[in-house]
C-alpha atoms as a PDB file:
ATOM      1  CA  ARG A   1     109.624  96.298  92.370  1.00  0.00           C
ATOM      2  CA  LEU A   2     112.825  96.372  94.383  1.00  0.00           C
ATOM      3  CA  PRO A   3     115.641  93.828  94.568  1.00  0.00           C
ATOM      4  CA  GLY A   4     114.685  90.689  96.480  1.00  0.00           C
ATOM      5  CA  ALA A   5     111.108  89.940  97.410  1.00  0.00           C
ATOM      6  CA  ARG A   6     110.471  93.612  98.131  1.00  0.00           C
ATOM      7  CA  LEU A   7     108.028  96.165  96.799  1.00  0.00           C
ATOM      8  CA  GLY A   8     108.181  99.927  97.260  1.00  0.00           C
ATOM      9  CA  LEU A   9     104.889 101.786  97.774  1.00  0.00           C
ATOM     10  CA  ALA A  10     104.544 105.552  97.703  1.00  0.00           C
ATOM     11  CA  ILE A  11     101.870 108.204  97.809  1.00  0.00           C
ATOM     12  CA  GLY A  12     102.115 111.963  97.952  1.00  0.00           C
ATOM     13  CA  ASP A  13     100.290 115.224  97.543  1.00  0.00           C
ATOM     14  CA  VAL A  14     101.720 118.451  96.163  1.00  0.00           C
ATOM     15  CA  VAL A  15     100.398 121.967  96.657  1.00  0.00           C
ATOM     16  CA  GLY A  16      98.186 123.167  93.828  1.00  0.00           C
ATOM     17  CA  HIS A  17      96.130 121.694  90.998  1.00  0.00           C
ATOM     18  CA  ASP A  18      97.709 123.191  87.889  1.00  0.00           C
ATOM     19  CA  VAL A  19     100.298 122.112  85.331  1.00  0.00           C
ATOM     20  CA  ASP A  20     103.152 123.234  87.611  1.00  0.00           C
ATOM     21  CA  ALA A  21     101.782 121.046  90.426  1.00  0.00           C
ATOM     22  CA  ALA A  22     101.569 118.064  88.069  1.00  0.00           C
ATOM     23  CA  ALA A  23     105.139 118.643  86.881  1.00  0.00           C
ATOM     24  CA  THR A  24     106.314 118.878  90.494  1.00  0.00           C
ATOM     25  CA  ALA A  25     104.580 115.586  91.318  1.00  0.00           C
ATOM     26  CA  VAL A  26     106.361 113.907  88.395  1.00  0.00           C
ATOM     27  CA  GLN A  27     109.689 115.337  89.538  1.00  0.00           C
ATOM     28  CA  LEU A  28     109.158 114.028  93.084  1.00  0.00           C
ATOM     29  CA  ARG A  29     108.065 110.608  91.803  1.00  0.00           C
ATOM     30  CA  SER A  30     111.157 110.305  89.618  1.00  0.00           C
ATOM     31  CA  ALA A  31     113.425 111.365  92.474  1.00  0.00           C
ATOM     32  CA  LEU A  32     111.762 108.884  94.814  1.00  0.00           C
ATOM     33  CA  ARG A  33     112.104 106.042  92.317  1.00  0.00           C
ATOM     34  CA  GLY A  34     115.820 106.740  91.856  1.00  0.00           C
ATOM     35  CA  ALA A  35     116.473 107.078  95.576  1.00  0.00           C
ATOM     36  CA  ALA A  36     114.518 103.891  96.355  1.00  0.00           C
ATOM     37  CA  LEU A  37     116.649 101.876  93.945  1.00  0.00           C
ATOM     38  CA  GLU A  38     119.843 103.217  95.548  1.00  0.00           C
ATOM     39  CA  ASP A  39     118.904 103.042  99.229  1.00  0.00           C
ATOM     40  CA  PRO A  40     116.839 100.393 101.043  1.00  0.00           C
ATOM     41  CA  ALA A  41     115.926 102.696 103.960  1.00  0.00           C
ATOM     42  CA  PRO A  42     112.633 104.620 103.527  1.00  0.00           C
ATOM     43  CA  GLY A  43     113.774 107.291 106.013  1.00  0.00           C
ATOM     44  CA  ARG A  44     116.797 108.148 103.890  1.00  0.00           C
ATOM     45  CA  VAL A  45     114.694 108.054 100.708  1.00  0.00           C
ATOM     46  CA  MET A  46     112.338 110.623 102.270  1.00  0.00           C
ATOM     47  CA  GLY A  47     115.417 112.640 103.244  1.00  0.00           C
ATOM     48  CA  ARG A  48     116.427 112.726  99.570  1.00  0.00           C
ATOM     49  CA  LEU A  49     112.964 114.048  98.653  1.00  0.00           C
ATOM     50  CA  ASN A  50     113.374 116.679 101.337  1.00  0.00           C
ATOM     51  CA  ASP A  51     116.706 117.698  99.794  1.00  0.00           C
ATOM     52  CA  LEU A  52     114.977 118.054  96.411  1.00  0.00           C
ATOM     53  CA  ALA A  53     112.212 120.178  97.957  1.00  0.00           C
ATOM     54  CA  HIS A  54     114.875 122.620  99.146  1.00  0.00           C
ATOM     55  CA  GLU A  55     116.103 122.955  95.562  1.00  0.00           C
ATOM     56  CA  ALA A  56     112.695 122.939  93.839  1.00  0.00           C
ATOM     57  CA  PRO A  57     110.489 125.535  95.573  1.00  0.00           C
ATOM     58  CA  LEU A  58     107.255 124.152  94.086  1.00  0.00           C
ATOM     59  CA  ALA A  59     107.928 120.836  95.900  1.00  0.00           C
ATOM     60  CA  ALA A  60     108.085 122.585  99.277  1.00  0.00           C
ATOM     61  CA  PHE A  61     105.225 121.734 101.648  1.00  0.00           C
ATOM     62  CA  SER A  62     104.325 118.583  99.724  1.00  0.00           C
ATOM     63  CA  SER A  63     103.436 115.508 101.732  1.00  0.00           C
ATOM     64  CA  ALA A  64     104.603 111.993 100.973  1.00  0.00           C
ATOM     65  CA  ALA A  65     104.758 108.506 102.436  1.00  0.00           C
ATOM     66  CA  TYR A  66     107.051 105.769 101.216  1.00  0.00           C
ATOM     67  CA  GLY A  67     107.470 102.249 102.463  1.00  0.00           C
ATOM     68  CA  VAL A  68     109.040  98.942 101.603  1.00  0.00           C
ATOM     69  CA  LEU A  69     106.994  95.783 101.790  1.00  0.00           C
ATOM     70  CA  ASP A  70     109.352  92.853 102.366  1.00  0.00           C
ATOM     71  CA  LEU A  71     107.386  89.731 101.496  1.00  0.00           C
ATOM     72  CA  ALA A  72     110.138  87.332 102.596  1.00  0.00           C
ATOM     73  CA  ALA A  73     110.403  88.908 106.056  1.00  0.00           C
ATOM     74  CA  MET A  74     106.672  89.813 106.210  1.00  0.00           C
ATOM     75  CA  THR A  75     107.476  93.397 107.257  1.00  0.00           C
ATOM     76  CA  TRP A  76     106.418  96.900 106.247  1.00  0.00           C
ATOM     77  CA  THR A  77     108.979  99.663 106.838  1.00  0.00           C
ATOM     78  CA  TRP A  78     107.885 103.205 106.089  1.00  0.00           C
ATOM     79  CA  ALA A  79     108.595 106.895 106.528  1.00  0.00           C
ATOM     80  CA  ARG A  80     106.379 109.880 105.963  1.00  0.00           C
ATOM     81  CA  ALA A  81     106.755 113.581 105.310  1.00  0.00           C
ATOM     82  CA  GLY A  82     103.609 115.163 106.714  1.00  0.00           C
ATOM     83  CA  HIS A  83     101.375 112.593 105.055  1.00  0.00           C
ATOM     84  CA  LEU A  84      98.218 111.154 106.567  1.00  0.00           C
ATOM     85  CA  ALA A  85      98.049 108.003 108.665  1.00  0.00           C
ATOM     86  CA  MET A  86      97.543 104.797 106.732  1.00  0.00           C
ATOM     87  CA  LEU A  87      94.878 102.219 107.395  1.00  0.00           C
ATOM     88  CA  VAL A  88      95.873  98.683 108.321  1.00  0.00           C
ATOM     89  CA  ARG A  89      93.248  95.973 108.029  1.00  0.00           C
ATOM     90  CA  THR A  90      94.234  92.683 109.632  1.00  0.00           C
ATOM     91  CA  PRO A  91      92.015  89.617 109.959  1.00  0.00           C
ATOM     92  CA  SER A  92      91.029  90.869 113.445  1.00  0.00           C
ATOM     93  CA  ALA A  93      90.805  94.700 113.214  1.00  0.00           C
ATOM     94  CA  THR A  94      91.090  97.815 111.053  1.00  0.00           C
ATOM     95  CA  THR A  95      93.084 100.673 112.569  1.00  0.00           C
ATOM     96  CA  PHE A  96      94.871 103.859 111.610  1.00  0.00           C
ATOM     97  CA  GLU A  97      98.634 103.677 111.808  1.00  0.00           C
ATOM     98  CA  VAL A  98     100.080 107.147 112.252  1.00  0.00           C
ATOM     99  CA  GLY A  99     103.587 105.803 111.834  1.00  0.00           C
ATOM    100  CA  PRO A 100     106.815 107.666 112.301  1.00  0.00           C
ATOM    101  CA  ASP A 101     106.951 111.405 112.809  1.00  0.00           C
ATOM    102  CA  GLY A 102     107.630 113.376 109.679  1.00  0.00           C
ATOM    103  CA  ILE A 103     107.023 116.977 108.730  1.00  0.00           C
ATOM    104  CA  LEU A 104     106.135 118.303 105.256  1.00  0.00           C
ATOM    105  CA  LEU A 105     108.935 118.435 102.694  1.00  0.00           C
ATOM    106  CA  ALA A 106     111.360 121.369 102.975  1.00  0.00           C
ATOM    107  CA  TYR A 107     110.683 121.989 106.685  1.00  0.00           C
ATOM    108  CA  ASP A 108     113.596 119.860 107.923  1.00  0.00           C
ATOM    109  CA  PRO A 109     117.093 121.000 106.954  1.00  0.00           C
ATOM    110  CA  PRO A 110     118.736 119.378 103.925  1.00  0.00           C
ATOM    111  CA  GLY A 111     120.625 116.160 104.596  1.00  0.00           C
ATOM    112  CA  ALA A 112     118.381 115.005 107.439  1.00  0.00           C
ATOM    113  CA  PRO A 113     116.919 111.498 107.221  1.00  0.00           C
ATOM    114  CA  PHE A 114     113.317 110.985 108.270  1.00  0.00           C
ATOM    115  CA  ALA A 115     112.237 108.637 111.044  1.00  0.00           C
ATOM    116  CA  GLN A 116     110.999 105.251 109.917  1.00  0.00           C
ATOM    117  CA  ALA A 117     109.014 102.470 111.536  1.00  0.00           C
ATOM    118  CA  THR A 118     108.851  98.741 110.848  1.00  0.00           C
ATOM    119  CA  HIS A 119     105.774  96.602 111.396  1.00  0.00           C
ATOM    120  CA  ALA A 120     105.464  92.826 111.331  1.00  0.00           C
ATOM    121  CA  LEU A 121     102.679  91.665 109.018  1.00  0.00           C
ATOM    122  CA  VAL A 122     100.414  88.649 108.989  1.00  0.00           C
ATOM    123  CA  ALA A 123      98.803  87.010 105.984  1.00  0.00           C
ATOM    124  CA  GLY A 124      95.530  88.698 105.121  1.00  0.00           C
ATOM    125  CA  THR A 125      96.727  92.214 106.051  1.00  0.00           C
ATOM    126  CA  THR A 126      95.699  95.075 103.766  1.00  0.00           C
ATOM    127  CA  LEU A 127      97.539  98.423 103.775  1.00  0.00           C
ATOM    128  CA  VAL A 128      95.661 101.493 102.503  1.00  0.00           C
ATOM    129  CA  LEU A 129      97.410 104.798 101.745  1.00  0.00           C
ATOM    130  CA  TYR A 130      95.412 107.795 100.521  1.00  0.00           C
ATOM    131  CA  THR A 131      95.491 111.552  99.992  1.00  0.00           C
ATOM    132  CA  ASP A 132      93.464 114.101 101.949  1.00  0.00           C
ATOM    133  CA  GLY A 133      91.016 114.559  99.070  1.00  0.00           C
ATOM    134  CA  LEU A 134      89.443 111.256 100.128  1.00  0.00           C
ATOM    135  CA  VAL A 135      88.423 112.486 103.598  1.00  0.00           C
ATOM    136  CA  GLU A 136      88.419 116.293 103.628  1.00  0.00           C
ATOM    137  CA  ARG A 137      85.180 118.136 102.763  1.00  0.00           C
ATOM    138  CA  ARG A 138      84.157 121.637 103.750  1.00  0.00           C
ATOM    139  CA  ASP A 139      80.541 120.589 104.208  1.00  0.00           C
ATOM    140  CA  SER A 140      81.040 117.624 106.583  1.00  0.00           C
ATOM    141  CA  ASP A 141      82.643 116.695 109.869  1.00  0.00           C
ATOM    142  CA  HIS A 142      86.227 115.494 109.401  1.00  0.00           C
ATOM    143  CA  LEU A 143      86.110 112.922 112.206  1.00  0.00           C
ATOM    144  CA  GLU A 144      82.921 111.399 110.810  1.00  0.00           C
ATOM    145  CA  ARG A 145      84.495 111.094 107.351  1.00  0.00           C
ATOM    146  CA  VAL A 146      87.648 109.508 108.757  1.00  0.00           C
ATOM    147  CA  GLU A 147      85.558 106.975 110.672  1.00  0.00           C
ATOM    148  CA  HIS A 148      83.489 106.337 107.533  1.00  0.00           C
ATOM    149  CA  LEU A 149      86.736 105.598 105.690  1.00  0.00           C
ATOM    150  CA  ARG A 150      87.909 103.206 108.422  1.00  0.00           C
ATOM    151  CA  TRP A 151      84.539 101.419 108.395  1.00  0.00           C
ATOM    152  CA  SER A 152      84.565 101.229 104.579  1.00  0.00           C
ATOM    153  CA  VAL A 153      88.009  99.636 104.590  1.00  0.00           C
ATOM    154  CA  GLU A 154      87.032  97.209 107.343  1.00  0.00           C
ATOM    155  CA  HIS A 155      83.867  96.114 105.538  1.00  0.00           C
ATOM    156  CA  GLY A 156      85.158  96.453 101.994  1.00  0.00           C
ATOM    157  CA  PRO A 157      86.199  93.707  99.596  1.00  0.00           C
ATOM    158  CA  ASP A 158      89.440  91.767 100.085  1.00  0.00           C
ATOM    159  CA  ASP A 159      90.608  92.389  96.514  1.00  0.00           C
ATOM    160  CA  PRO A 160      92.707  95.611  96.533  1.00  0.00           C
ATOM    161  CA  ASP A 161      91.380  96.869  93.175  1.00  0.00           C
ATOM    162  CA  ALA A 162      87.783  96.325  94.252  1.00  0.00           C
ATOM    163  CA  LEU A 163      88.521  97.952  97.632  1.00  0.00           C
ATOM    164  CA  VAL A 164      89.936 101.089  95.977  1.00  0.00           C
ATOM    165  CA  GLN A 165      86.911 101.304  93.682  1.00  0.00           C
ATOM    166  CA  THR A 166      84.565 100.884  96.663  1.00  0.00           C
ATOM    167  CA  LEU A 167      86.336 103.627  98.625  1.00  0.00           C
ATOM    168  CA  ILE A 168      86.121 106.049  95.718  1.00  0.00           C
ATOM    169  CA  GLU A 169      82.432 105.292  95.179  1.00  0.00           C
ATOM    170  CA  ARG A 170      81.620 105.720  98.884  1.00  0.00           C
ATOM    171  CA  MET A 171      83.880 108.661  99.714  1.00  0.00           C
ATOM    172  CA  VAL A 172      84.185 110.901  96.640  1.00  0.00           C
ATOM    173  CA  LYS A 173      81.346 113.101  95.451  1.00  0.00           C
ATOM    174  CA  PRO A 174      81.067 113.721  91.693  1.00  0.00           C
ATOM    175  CA  GLY A 175      82.780 116.997  90.857  1.00  0.00           C
ATOM    176  CA  ALA A 176      84.949 116.978  94.005  1.00  0.00           C
ATOM    177  CA  ALA A 177      87.365 119.911  94.093  1.00  0.00           C
ATOM    178  CA  ASP A 178      90.423 118.114  95.480  1.00  0.00           C
ATOM    179  CA  ASP A 179      92.332 115.341  93.802  1.00  0.00           C
ATOM    180  CA  VAL A 180      92.136 111.841  95.265  1.00  0.00           C
ATOM    181  CA  ALA A 181      94.658 109.025  95.236  1.00  0.00           C
ATOM    182  CA  VAL A 182      94.308 105.663  96.964  1.00  0.00           C
ATOM    183  CA  VAL A 183      96.798 102.782  97.091  1.00  0.00           C
ATOM    184  CA  ALA A 184      95.830  99.415  98.567  1.00  0.00           C
ATOM    185  CA  VAL A 185      97.899  96.263  98.831  1.00  0.00           C
ATOM    186  CA  ARG A 186      96.931  92.938 100.387  1.00  0.00           C
ATOM    187  CA  ILE A 187      99.499  90.532 101.794  1.00  0.00           C
ATOM    188  CA  SER A 188      98.526  86.905 101.181  1.00  0.00           C
END
């Protein structure tokens, strides 16, 4: 929760699957939380994470997306550092939103803010952010899996918790090698 009728949403993916990777993810999350409370602009918040990645080598090449959902203004403003496109389900369509340009953490020089984009929202919109573990498999076609994800969001339940559960059941094989994270929020 952020001051006003605003909510910050974030997702990210660090390199690796060990204890050091988990510790790096916690460090990035804490830095993001602090920056988000100090600065309302997602592009500058991502810039702060980029600065941290220059100081913490294990954070380099991580991806992240962070946005602010302003319920009073009915807007979504976000920035991303090499993270995947999000899915936007409106009452009329479900599409991928690539969003603003943004390269993986530690590629841009320190002190540089990231680009951000603002989108007007309508009631009934659902935003879905996810990590690559949801769609990437060595044994299947990437484009088919991405389309399967889009279709699953479009035809999935309206309730965000039920939608996340449905996506995991449909997209993740038992014993999958990569970690998976999914965040869904519905604007009423």
